[in-house]
């Protein structure tokens, strides 16, 4: 059943359920022939059943946080083990600086590990939550490093009975690797500044993304300083070994999952663009073909980081969600034109090679047999469209769009709703037409009877997502029943 809340005209007749109508398939290799917007057909009828793969390993958020805090406790124990006594103000200040230095050295490694794209973390904790932890932890680490530097200078100055300016000059010129560590400190402060929300809004995604690579340079510059000047490492071979093992393990994970694994997937699966299709004004679907795609264990709601190997785009990697459940040889993403990269996707030609990192994200359905509400805003329909076709149980989809022409996948959504007996509500119109809060608690209660008993998945622009989560909470939906993903960096 489909309904339109304050719609602007009749709906179109629903088309086929399958997301990829079969005009003409593009050749998988070589120069493309035929129409540039050809779309591949699905798997042939009578294809052998796909083998069931083991469920991917997932790390839960509480377990990850417990491990992080346990590591922090071990770092404090490392300081305690090598501290025989504290005497006088200078000693107190210096040891406070030592603790902050050890914690900041540990914290930097944790920040890198959170963004290393480890599949158990990405699938269990979720990319959104990992990014929030990374952003919050980054602020703490910068304060820890700043406190370490200032307390060490102050403590040394008090002990030597000199002023802090003189002691600063002494540390920079006479202590091994302190100058490199100072450069690392300023690099991290710079990365922190460009990560602030006000700065992010003024930066292109690519600029923001590549500036973050300076974090790796900062870590490399500061590492030798810890061994050259850190009291906990100077006289302890065991401490140096385990600290090196920590850094080496995280570096190896980053190299494997951000470089080796994508290259392996590229050669094993042979990803190529097979078609480009207009879905709505400024919205296109990209069809990617490959072999043995079931091995990726991609789930509806997840995303990949896509690198299209054209002359203009090979150096850019962007996250886009799957907009349909993948088959053994085809995946589909759907993208709205929001900038240089997304706008250029319309010009992709069949046969273009693709690198795909993933799948990532924990925005996946695990509520089979329950009452489920999917709440989409704009192009946020993309992961929810994939879920809508695969979820079991009683499913309601509420789709918010500014106008009829902005609705993506309406034919597919209506066909899926009819085939499975699901309910669809299109909330269409501007705020002037619908009111200041088109998805208020009262509106949602009216559209979805028994709202407080629903498991809810929300996806859309950040402002819409925040407002929808607040409205759902006001309507009596428990926060543990609400899962959401927003589009921002």
Protein backbone atom coordinates (compact mmCIF):
# COMPACT_ATOMS: atom_id res chain seq x y z
CA UNK A 1 0.00 0.00 0.00
CA UNK A 2 1.34 3.43 -0.94
CA UNK A 3 0.06 6.83 0.11
CA UNK A 4 1.21 10.38 -0.42
CA UNK A 5 1.02 12.98 2.30
CA UNK A 6 0.19 16.29 0.60
CA UNK A 7 1.46 14.96 -2.69
CA UNK A 8 1.66 17.01 -5.85
CA UNK A 9 0.00 14.88 -8.50
CA UNK A 10 -0.66 11.21 -9.15
CA UNK A 11 2.05 8.62 -8.73
CA UNK A 12 3.56 6.85 -11.71
CA UNK A 13 2.64 3.28 -12.47
CA UNK A 14 5.07 1.01 -10.61
CA UNK A 15 7.63 -0.72 -12.75
CA UNK A 16 9.49 -3.99 -12.31
CA UNK A 17 10.83 -4.91 -8.89
CA UNK A 18 14.29 -5.82 -10.15
CA UNK A 19 16.63 -2.81 -9.81
CA UNK A 20 18.41 -3.36 -13.11
CA UNK A 21 16.21 -3.49 -16.24
CA UNK A 22 18.04 -5.30 -19.05
CA UNK A 23 18.39 -3.16 -22.16
CA UNK A 24 21.95 -3.99 -23.23
CA UNK A 25 24.83 -5.13 -21.05
CA UNK A 26 28.17 -3.41 -21.41
CA UNK A 27 31.26 -5.47 -22.15
CA UNK A 28 33.31 -6.17 -19.02
CA UNK A 29 36.67 -5.34 -20.56
CA UNK A 30 38.21 -3.19 -23.27
CA UNK A 31 36.71 -0.18 -25.00
CA UNK A 32 32.96 0.12 -24.47
CA UNK A 33 30.51 -0.37 -27.31
CA UNK A 34 26.84 0.53 -27.52
CA UNK A 35 24.94 3.11 -25.46
CA UNK A 36 26.84 4.73 -22.63
CA UNK A 37 23.87 4.29 -20.28
CA UNK A 38 23.33 0.59 -20.87
CA UNK A 39 22.23 -1.30 -17.74
CA UNK A 40 23.01 -4.98 -17.14
CA UNK A 41 20.44 -7.64 -16.57
CA UNK A 42 20.28 -9.68 -13.37
CA UNK A 43 21.44 -13.25 -12.88
CA UNK A 44 19.97 -15.73 -15.38
CA UNK A 45 16.97 -17.77 -14.35
CA UNK A 46 17.83 -21.20 -13.12
CA UNK A 47 21.23 -20.12 -11.80
CA UNK A 48 22.62 -22.44 -9.12
CA UNK A 49 21.95 -21.41 -5.54
CA UNK A 50 24.52 -19.18 -3.89
CA UNK A 51 26.42 -20.97 -1.12
CA UNK A 52 25.84 -19.69 2.39
CA UNK A 53 28.99 -17.98 3.68
CA UNK A 54 29.92 -17.82 7.37
CA UNK A 55 28.77 -14.68 9.17
CA UNK A 56 31.51 -12.03 9.37
CA UNK A 57 33.19 -11.43 12.72
CA UNK A 58 31.81 -8.36 14.53
CA UNK A 59 33.24 -6.49 17.51
CA UNK A 60 30.60 -4.91 19.72
CA UNK A 61 30.89 -1.31 20.88
CA UNK A 62 31.05 -2.08 24.61
CA UNK A 63 33.78 -4.67 24.11
CA UNK A 64 35.84 -2.25 22.02
CA UNK A 65 35.49 0.54 24.59
CA UNK A 66 36.44 -1.88 27.37
CA UNK A 67 39.56 -2.88 25.45
CA UNK A 68 40.51 0.79 24.92
CA UNK A 69 40.14 1.60 28.62
CA UNK A 70 42.06 -1.55 29.58
CA UNK A 71 44.90 -0.39 27.33
CA UNK A 72 44.85 3.05 29.00
CA UNK A 73 45.08 1.37 32.41
CA UNK A 74 48.10 -0.64 31.19
CA UNK A 75 49.77 2.61 30.07
CA UNK A 76 49.29 4.16 33.52
CA UNK A 77 50.69 0.99 35.07
CA UNK A 78 53.77 1.37 32.83
CA UNK A 79 54.34 4.83 34.36
CA UNK A 80 53.74 3.54 37.90
CA UNK A 81 56.15 0.62 37.50
CA UNK A 82 59.07 2.91 36.63
CA UNK A 83 58.31 5.67 39.18
CA UNK A 84 60.11 5.12 42.46
CA UNK A 85 59.18 8.34 44.19
CA UNK A 86 57.99 11.92 43.63
CA UNK A 87 59.60 14.78 45.55
CA UNK A 88 58.88 18.46 45.19
CA UNK A 89 56.81 20.55 42.77
CA UNK A 90 59.11 20.00 39.80
CA UNK A 91 58.86 16.23 40.17
CA UNK A 92 55.06 16.36 40.46
CA UNK A 93 54.77 18.49 37.32
CA UNK A 94 57.21 16.33 35.37
CA UNK A 95 55.45 13.09 36.26
CA UNK A 96 52.05 14.54 35.40
CA UNK A 97 53.58 15.41 32.02
CA UNK A 98 54.95 11.86 31.69
CA UNK A 99 51.50 10.35 32.29
CA UNK A 100 49.91 12.65 29.71
CA UNK A 101 52.69 11.87 27.23
CA UNK A 102 52.20 8.11 27.57
CA UNK A 103 48.43 8.44 27.26
CA UNK A 104 48.74 10.68 24.21
CA UNK A 105 51.15 8.22 22.54
CA UNK A 106 48.66 5.45 23.20
CA UNK A 107 45.70 7.61 22.17
CA UNK A 108 47.18 8.41 18.76
CA UNK A 109 47.49 4.69 18.02
CA UNK A 110 43.87 4.13 19.07
CA UNK A 111 42.71 6.96 16.78
CA UNK A 112 44.53 5.44 13.81
CA UNK A 113 43.17 1.96 14.59
CA UNK A 114 39.58 3.27 14.72
CA UNK A 115 39.93 4.57 11.17
CA UNK A 116 41.96 1.62 9.83
CA UNK A 117 38.77 0.11 8.29
CA UNK A 118 39.05 -3.14 10.18
CA UNK A 119 36.06 -5.26 9.07
CA UNK A 120 35.14 -6.52 12.58
CA UNK A 121 35.00 -2.89 13.80
CA UNK A 122 33.21 -1.55 10.74
CA UNK A 123 30.57 -4.28 10.79
CA UNK A 124 30.13 -4.44 14.56
CA UNK A 125 30.51 -0.87 15.81
CA UNK A 126 29.60 0.95 12.61
CA UNK A 127 31.36 3.65 10.62
CA UNK A 128 29.25 6.50 11.99
CA UNK A 129 30.02 5.62 15.59
CA UNK A 130 33.69 4.99 14.86
CA UNK A 131 33.91 8.41 13.23
CA UNK A 132 32.31 10.05 16.27
CA UNK A 133 34.72 8.24 18.61
CA UNK A 134 37.62 9.27 16.38
CA UNK A 135 36.55 12.94 16.38
CA UNK A 136 35.98 13.04 20.14
CA UNK A 137 39.19 11.11 20.86
CA UNK A 138 41.14 13.44 18.58
CA UNK A 139 40.16 16.43 20.68
CA UNK A 140 41.22 14.63 23.87
CA UNK A 141 44.55 13.54 22.37
CA UNK A 142 45.42 17.08 21.29
CA UNK A 143 44.71 18.31 24.82
CA UNK A 144 46.80 15.44 26.25
CA UNK A 145 49.75 16.28 23.99
CA UNK A 146 49.48 19.98 24.78
CA UNK A 147 49.30 19.27 28.50
CA UNK A 148 52.29 16.90 28.24
CA UNK A 149 54.45 19.52 26.53
CA UNK A 150 53.54 22.36 28.89
CA UNK A 151 53.87 20.31 32.09
CA UNK A 152 57.22 18.84 31.07
CA UNK A 153 58.60 22.30 30.29
CA UNK A 154 57.25 23.71 33.55
CA UNK A 155 58.45 20.76 35.62
CA UNK A 156 61.96 20.85 34.14
CA UNK A 157 62.11 24.63 34.60
CA UNK A 158 61.14 24.36 38.29
CA UNK A 159 63.67 21.57 38.89
CA UNK A 160 66.48 23.49 37.13
CA UNK A 161 65.41 26.79 38.73
CA UNK A 162 65.19 28.58 35.35
CA UNK A 163 62.37 30.30 33.49
CA UNK A 164 60.14 28.38 31.07
CA UNK A 165 61.40 30.27 28.00
CA UNK A 166 64.99 29.24 28.70
CA UNK A 167 63.93 25.66 29.42
CA UNK A 168 61.93 25.51 26.18
CA UNK A 169 65.01 26.53 24.20
CA UNK A 170 67.08 23.92 26.02
CA UNK A 171 64.60 21.13 25.26
CA UNK A 172 64.39 22.05 21.58
CA UNK A 173 68.14 22.27 21.04
CA UNK A 174 69.66 19.70 23.41
CA UNK A 175 67.18 16.83 23.76
CA UNK A 176 67.01 14.18 21.09
CA UNK A 177 64.02 14.34 18.73
CA UNK A 178 62.11 17.00 20.73
CA UNK A 179 62.07 19.30 17.70
CA UNK A 180 60.49 16.57 15.53
CA UNK A 181 57.93 15.89 18.25
CA UNK A 182 57.11 19.61 18.35
CA UNK A 183 56.49 19.60 14.60
CA UNK A 184 54.24 16.56 15.09
CA UNK A 185 52.31 18.43 17.79
CA UNK A 186 51.61 21.36 15.47
CA UNK A 187 50.62 19.02 12.63
CA UNK A 188 48.05 17.35 14.87
CA UNK A 189 46.72 20.74 15.97
CA UNK A 190 46.34 21.67 12.29
CA UNK A 191 44.45 18.44 11.55
CA UNK A 192 42.24 19.15 14.55
CA UNK A 193 41.43 22.64 13.28
CA UNK A 194 40.38 21.46 9.81
CA UNK A 195 38.25 18.77 11.48
CA UNK A 196 36.14 21.33 13.34
CA UNK A 197 32.61 21.51 11.97
CA UNK A 198 32.91 25.16 10.94
CA UNK A 199 36.06 24.38 8.95
CA UNK A 200 34.70 21.17 7.42
CA UNK A 201 31.77 23.03 5.92
CA UNK A 202 34.18 25.22 3.96
CA UNK A 203 36.36 22.40 2.66
CA UNK A 204 35.88 20.01 -0.22
CA UNK A 205 35.71 16.39 0.91
CA UNK A 206 38.92 15.55 -0.96
CA UNK A 207 40.81 18.40 0.75
CA UNK A 208 39.60 17.36 4.20
CA UNK A 209 40.37 13.70 3.47
CA UNK A 210 43.94 14.19 2.27
CA UNK A 211 44.82 16.68 5.02
CA UNK A 212 44.19 13.85 7.46
CA UNK A 213 47.15 11.95 6.03
CA UNK A 214 49.35 14.39 7.96
CA UNK A 215 48.31 12.41 11.04
CA UNK A 216 50.51 9.54 9.84
CA UNK A 217 53.43 11.92 9.39
CA UNK A 218 52.89 13.30 12.90
CA UNK A 219 52.87 9.79 14.39
CA UNK A 220 56.11 8.93 12.59
CA UNK A 221 57.83 12.13 13.71
CA UNK A 222 56.86 11.68 17.36
CA UNK A 223 57.63 7.97 17.67
CA UNK A 224 61.41 8.18 18.08
CA UNK A 225 61.01 10.98 20.65
CA UNK A 226 59.16 8.59 22.94
CA UNK A 227 62.08 6.14 23.02
CA UNK A 228 64.82 8.79 23.09
CA UNK A 229 63.37 10.87 25.95
CA UNK A 230 60.64 8.81 27.62
CA UNK A 231 61.72 7.70 31.07
CA UNK A 232 59.54 4.57 30.84
CA UNK A 233 61.41 3.37 27.74
CA UNK A 234 65.01 4.52 28.14
CA UNK A 235 65.92 1.77 30.57
CA UNK A 236 63.35 -0.92 29.73
CA UNK A 237 63.84 -3.19 26.73
CA UNK A 238 60.51 -4.94 27.41
CA UNK A 239 58.62 -1.62 27.39
CA UNK A 240 60.25 -0.63 24.09
CA UNK A 241 59.40 -4.01 22.59
CA UNK A 242 55.71 -3.97 23.51
CA UNK A 243 55.29 -0.30 22.59
CA UNK A 244 56.90 -1.00 19.20
CA UNK A 245 54.66 -4.06 18.79
CA UNK A 246 51.59 -1.90 19.44
CA UNK A 247 52.59 0.69 16.83
CA UNK A 248 53.78 -1.98 14.37
CA UNK A 249 50.55 -3.98 14.64
CA UNK A 250 48.37 -0.95 13.97
CA UNK A 251 50.61 0.12 11.07
CA UNK A 252 50.34 -3.38 9.62
CA UNK A 253 46.54 -3.36 9.94
CA UNK A 254 46.31 0.00 8.20
CA UNK A 255 48.57 -1.19 5.38
CA UNK A 256 46.66 -4.44 4.97
CA UNK A 257 43.08 -3.18 5.07
CA UNK A 258 43.62 0.15 3.31
CA UNK A 259 46.09 -0.97 0.63
CA UNK A 260 46.56 -4.74 0.27
CA UNK A 261 42.94 -5.84 0.72
CA UNK A 262 41.51 -3.35 -1.83
CA UNK A 263 44.15 -4.37 -4.38
CA UNK A 264 43.39 -8.06 -3.79
CA UNK A 265 39.65 -7.42 -4.23
CA UNK A 266 40.32 -5.41 -7.40
CA UNK A 267 42.20 -8.25 -9.09
CA UNK A 268 40.00 -11.06 -7.73
CA UNK A 269 36.60 -9.57 -8.50
CA UNK A 270 37.41 -7.40 -11.53
CA UNK A 271 35.08 -4.51 -10.76
CA UNK A 272 33.98 -2.49 -13.82
CA UNK A 273 31.23 0.03 -14.50
CA UNK A 274 28.53 -1.68 -16.59
CA UNK A 275 25.96 1.10 -16.79
CA UNK A 276 24.81 4.52 -15.62
CA UNK A 277 21.13 5.40 -15.24
CA UNK A 278 19.31 8.63 -14.34
CA UNK A 279 16.96 8.13 -11.38
CA UNK A 280 15.82 11.69 -10.58
CA UNK A 281 17.09 15.23 -11.21
CA UNK A 282 20.74 15.20 -10.13
CA UNK A 283 20.59 11.54 -9.03
CA UNK A 284 22.19 8.65 -10.93
CA UNK A 285 22.66 4.95 -10.34
CA UNK A 286 25.98 3.30 -11.16
CA UNK A 287 25.97 -0.42 -11.91
CA UNK A 288 29.21 -2.27 -11.14
CA UNK A 289 29.86 -5.76 -12.43
CA UNK A 290 32.36 -8.27 -11.09
CA UNK A 291 32.82 -11.93 -10.37
CA UNK A 292 32.15 -13.86 -7.16
CA UNK A 293 30.67 -10.80 -5.43
CA UNK A 294 28.90 -12.98 -2.86
CA UNK A 295 32.32 -13.58 -1.30
CA UNK A 296 32.28 -9.95 -0.14
CA UNK A 297 29.38 -10.76 2.24
CA UNK A 298 27.87 -7.34 1.59
CA UNK A 299 24.59 -6.69 3.41
CA UNK A 300 21.76 -4.25 2.61
CA UNK A 301 22.51 -0.95 4.33
CA UNK A 302 26.28 -1.18 3.96
CA UNK A 303 28.54 0.94 1.79
CA UNK A 304 31.84 0.69 -0.06
CA UNK A 305 34.52 3.26 -0.71
CA UNK A 306 34.65 3.56 -4.51
CA UNK A 307 37.61 4.65 -6.62
CA UNK A 308 36.78 5.02 -10.32
CA UNK A 309 39.96 4.65 -12.36
CA UNK A 310 39.56 7.48 -14.84
CA UNK A 311 42.11 10.19 -15.52
CA UNK A 312 40.17 12.72 -13.44
CA UNK A 313 38.92 10.51 -10.59
CA UNK A 314 41.51 7.79 -9.86
CA UNK A 315 42.98 9.68 -6.89
CA UNK A 316 39.62 10.12 -5.12
CA UNK A 317 37.90 7.54 -2.93
CA UNK A 318 34.33 8.23 -1.80
CA UNK A 319 31.81 6.28 0.33
CA UNK A 320 28.50 5.38 -1.35
CA UNK A 321 25.86 2.96 -0.08
CA UNK A 322 24.49 0.00 -1.99
CA UNK A 323 21.01 0.88 -3.23
CA UNK A 324 20.03 -2.74 -3.95
CA UNK A 325 21.01 -6.09 -2.53
CA UNK A 326 24.03 -7.31 -4.54
CA UNK A 327 23.83 -10.36 -6.77
CA UNK A 328 26.75 -12.64 -7.57
CA UNK A 329 27.86 -10.38 -10.42
CA UNK A 330 26.26 -6.93 -9.98
CA UNK A 331 26.17 -4.16 -7.38
CA UNK A 332 24.37 -0.84 -7.61
CA UNK A 333 25.05 2.50 -5.95
CA UNK A 334 22.92 5.62 -6.28
CA UNK A 335 24.43 9.06 -5.86
CA UNK A 336 23.15 12.62 -5.72
CA UNK A 337 25.17 15.39 -7.36
CA UNK A 338 26.60 17.28 -4.36
CA UNK A 339 30.00 18.25 -5.72
CA UNK A 340 32.77 17.64 -8.20
CA UNK A 341 33.12 13.89 -7.64
CA UNK A 342 29.44 12.94 -7.41
CA UNK A 343 28.64 15.19 -10.38
CA UNK A 344 31.30 13.49 -12.52
CA UNK A 345 29.79 10.03 -12.00
CA UNK A 346 27.16 10.73 -14.65
CA UNK A 347 29.94 10.82 -17.25
CA UNK A 348 31.35 7.38 -16.39
CA UNK A 349 31.60 5.02 -19.36
CA UNK A 350 30.90 1.28 -19.33
CA UNK A 351 34.13 -0.64 -18.99
CA UNK A 352 35.67 1.84 -16.51
CA UNK A 353 37.63 -0.11 -13.92
CA UNK A 354 36.74 0.36 -10.27
CA UNK A 355 38.44 -0.26 -6.94
CA UNK A 356 36.03 -1.01 -4.09
CA UNK A 357 36.94 -1.07 -0.39
CA UNK A 358 34.42 -2.70 1.87
CA UNK A 359 31.75 -3.52 2.70
CA UNK A 360 31.62 -1.16 5.68
CA UNK A 361 29.04 -0.07 8.20
CA UNK A 362 26.78 -1.61 10.84
CA UNK A 363 23.61 -0.01 9.50
CA UNK A 364 22.24 -3.45 8.67
CA UNK A 365 18.94 -5.17 9.50
CA UNK A 366 18.92 -7.68 12.34
CA UNK A 367 15.24 -7.49 13.32
CA UNK A 368 13.65 -10.31 11.32
CA UNK A 369 10.01 -10.93 12.21
CA UNK A 370 9.48 -7.62 14.05
CA UNK A 371 7.56 -4.49 13.15
CA UNK A 372 9.99 -2.28 11.27
CA UNK A 373 9.85 1.37 10.21
CA UNK A 374 12.22 2.67 7.54
CA UNK A 375 12.43 6.48 7.60
CA UNK A 376 14.21 8.03 4.61
CA UNK A 377 15.02 11.61 3.65
CA UNK A 378 16.11 12.55 0.11
CA UNK A 379 18.89 10.38 -1.26
CA UNK A 380 19.03 8.67 2.15
CA UNK A 381 16.60 6.23 0.54
CA UNK A 382 19.55 4.39 -1.03
CA UNK A 383 20.47 1.96 1.80
CA UNK A 384 16.84 1.73 2.92
CA UNK A 385 15.73 0.72 -0.58
CA UNK A 386 18.08 -2.27 -0.31
CA UNK A 387 16.69 -3.14 3.12
CA UNK A 388 13.08 -2.73 2.00
CA UNK A 389 13.45 -5.52 -0.54
CA UNK A 390 15.04 -7.99 1.88
CA UNK A 391 13.64 -7.39 5.39
CA UNK A 392 11.26 -9.95 6.84
CA UNK A 393 8.26 -9.03 8.96
CA UNK A 394 5.81 -6.13 8.80
CA UNK A 395 7.62 -3.20 7.19
CA UNK A 396 6.54 0.44 6.79
CA UNK A 397 8.53 2.93 4.71
CA UNK A 398 8.12 6.68 5.22
CA UNK A 399 9.91 8.67 2.52
CA UNK A 400 10.39 12.44 2.88
CA UNK A 401 11.04 14.44 -0.30
CA UNK A 402 10.74 18.10 -1.25
CA UNK A 403 8.83 17.39 -4.48
CA UNK A 404 7.51 14.51 -6.58
CA UNK A 405 10.40 14.82 -8.98
CA UNK A 406 12.88 14.30 -6.11
CA UNK A 407 11.51 10.86 -5.23
CA UNK A 408 14.05 8.19 -6.16
CA UNK A 409 13.06 4.57 -6.95
CA UNK A 410 9.30 5.20 -6.74
CA UNK A 411 8.50 2.50 -9.30
CA UNK A 412 10.71 -0.02 -7.52
CA UNK A 413 9.41 0.90 -4.07
CA UNK A 414 5.76 0.63 -5.08
CA UNK A 415 6.38 -2.72 -6.78
CA UNK A 416 8.16 -4.09 -3.70
CA UNK A 417 5.37 -2.82 -1.43
CA UNK A 418 2.70 -4.53 -3.55
CA UNK A 419 4.63 -7.78 -3.81
CA UNK A 420 5.21 -8.11 -0.06
CA UNK A 421 2.15 -6.28 1.29
CA UNK A 422 4.25 -3.52 2.87
CA UNK A 423 3.12 0.06 3.52
CA UNK A 424 4.69 3.15 1.95
CA UNK A 425 3.99 6.80 2.84
CA UNK A 426 5.47 9.59 0.70
CA UNK A 427 5.71 12.83 2.69
CA UNK A 428 6.13 15.26 -0.19
CA UNK A 429 6.31 19.05 -0.17
CA UNK A 430 8.20 22.02 1.11
CA UNK A 431 8.17 23.17 4.73
CA UNK A 432 5.90 26.03 3.67
CA UNK A 433 3.36 23.43 2.51
CA UNK A 434 3.80 20.81 5.23
CA UNK A 435 4.71 22.96 8.21
CA UNK A 436 7.95 23.58 10.05
CA UNK A 437 8.33 19.92 11.08
CA UNK A 438 7.06 17.55 8.36
CA UNK A 439 8.13 14.49 10.36
CA UNK A 440 6.92 15.55 13.80
CA UNK A 441 5.95 13.06 16.48
CA UNK A 442 2.24 13.63 15.73
CA UNK A 443 2.73 13.07 11.98
CA UNK A 444 4.69 9.87 12.57
CA UNK A 445 2.09 8.54 15.05
CA UNK A 446 -0.64 9.16 12.47
CA UNK A 447 1.27 7.45 9.67
CA UNK A 448 2.53 4.48 11.71
CA UNK A 449 0.08 2.97 14.20
CA UNK A 450 1.86 1.40 17.15
CA UNK A 451 4.92 3.54 16.44
CA UNK A 452 6.43 2.98 19.89
CA UNK A 453 6.68 -0.76 19.17
CA UNK A 454 8.63 -0.33 15.90
CA UNK A 455 12.31 -0.95 15.26
CA UNK A 456 13.31 2.13 13.29
CA UNK A 457 16.04 2.71 10.68
CA UNK A 458 16.64 6.35 9.74
CA UNK A 459 18.82 7.62 6.91
CA UNK A 460 19.09 11.08 5.38
CA UNK A 461 20.81 14.46 5.66
CA UNK A 462 22.16 15.20 9.14
CA UNK A 463 19.53 17.86 9.97
CA UNK A 464 16.66 15.62 8.94
CA UNK A 465 18.14 12.67 10.83
CA UNK A 466 18.56 14.64 14.07
CA UNK A 467 15.00 15.99 13.84
CA UNK A 468 13.57 12.55 13.05
CA UNK A 469 15.38 10.88 15.95
CA UNK A 470 14.10 13.60 18.31
CA UNK A 471 10.52 13.17 17.00
CA UNK A 472 10.68 9.39 17.36
CA UNK A 473 11.92 9.71 20.93
CA UNK A 474 9.13 12.18 21.69
CA UNK A 475 6.64 9.70 20.21
CA UNK A 476 7.76 7.06 22.71
CA UNK A 477 10.22 5.00 20.65
CA UNK A 478 13.09 3.75 22.80
CA UNK A 479 16.51 5.00 21.70
CA UNK A 480 17.79 1.43 21.61
CA UNK A 481 15.22 0.72 18.88
CA UNK A 482 16.45 3.59 16.68
CA UNK A 483 19.35 3.06 14.28
CA UNK A 484 20.45 5.83 11.99
CA UNK A 485 23.06 6.89 9.52
CA UNK A 486 23.64 10.43 8.29
CA UNK A 487 25.48 11.77 5.24
CA UNK A 488 28.28 14.10 6.27
CA UNK A 489 32.07 14.06 6.75
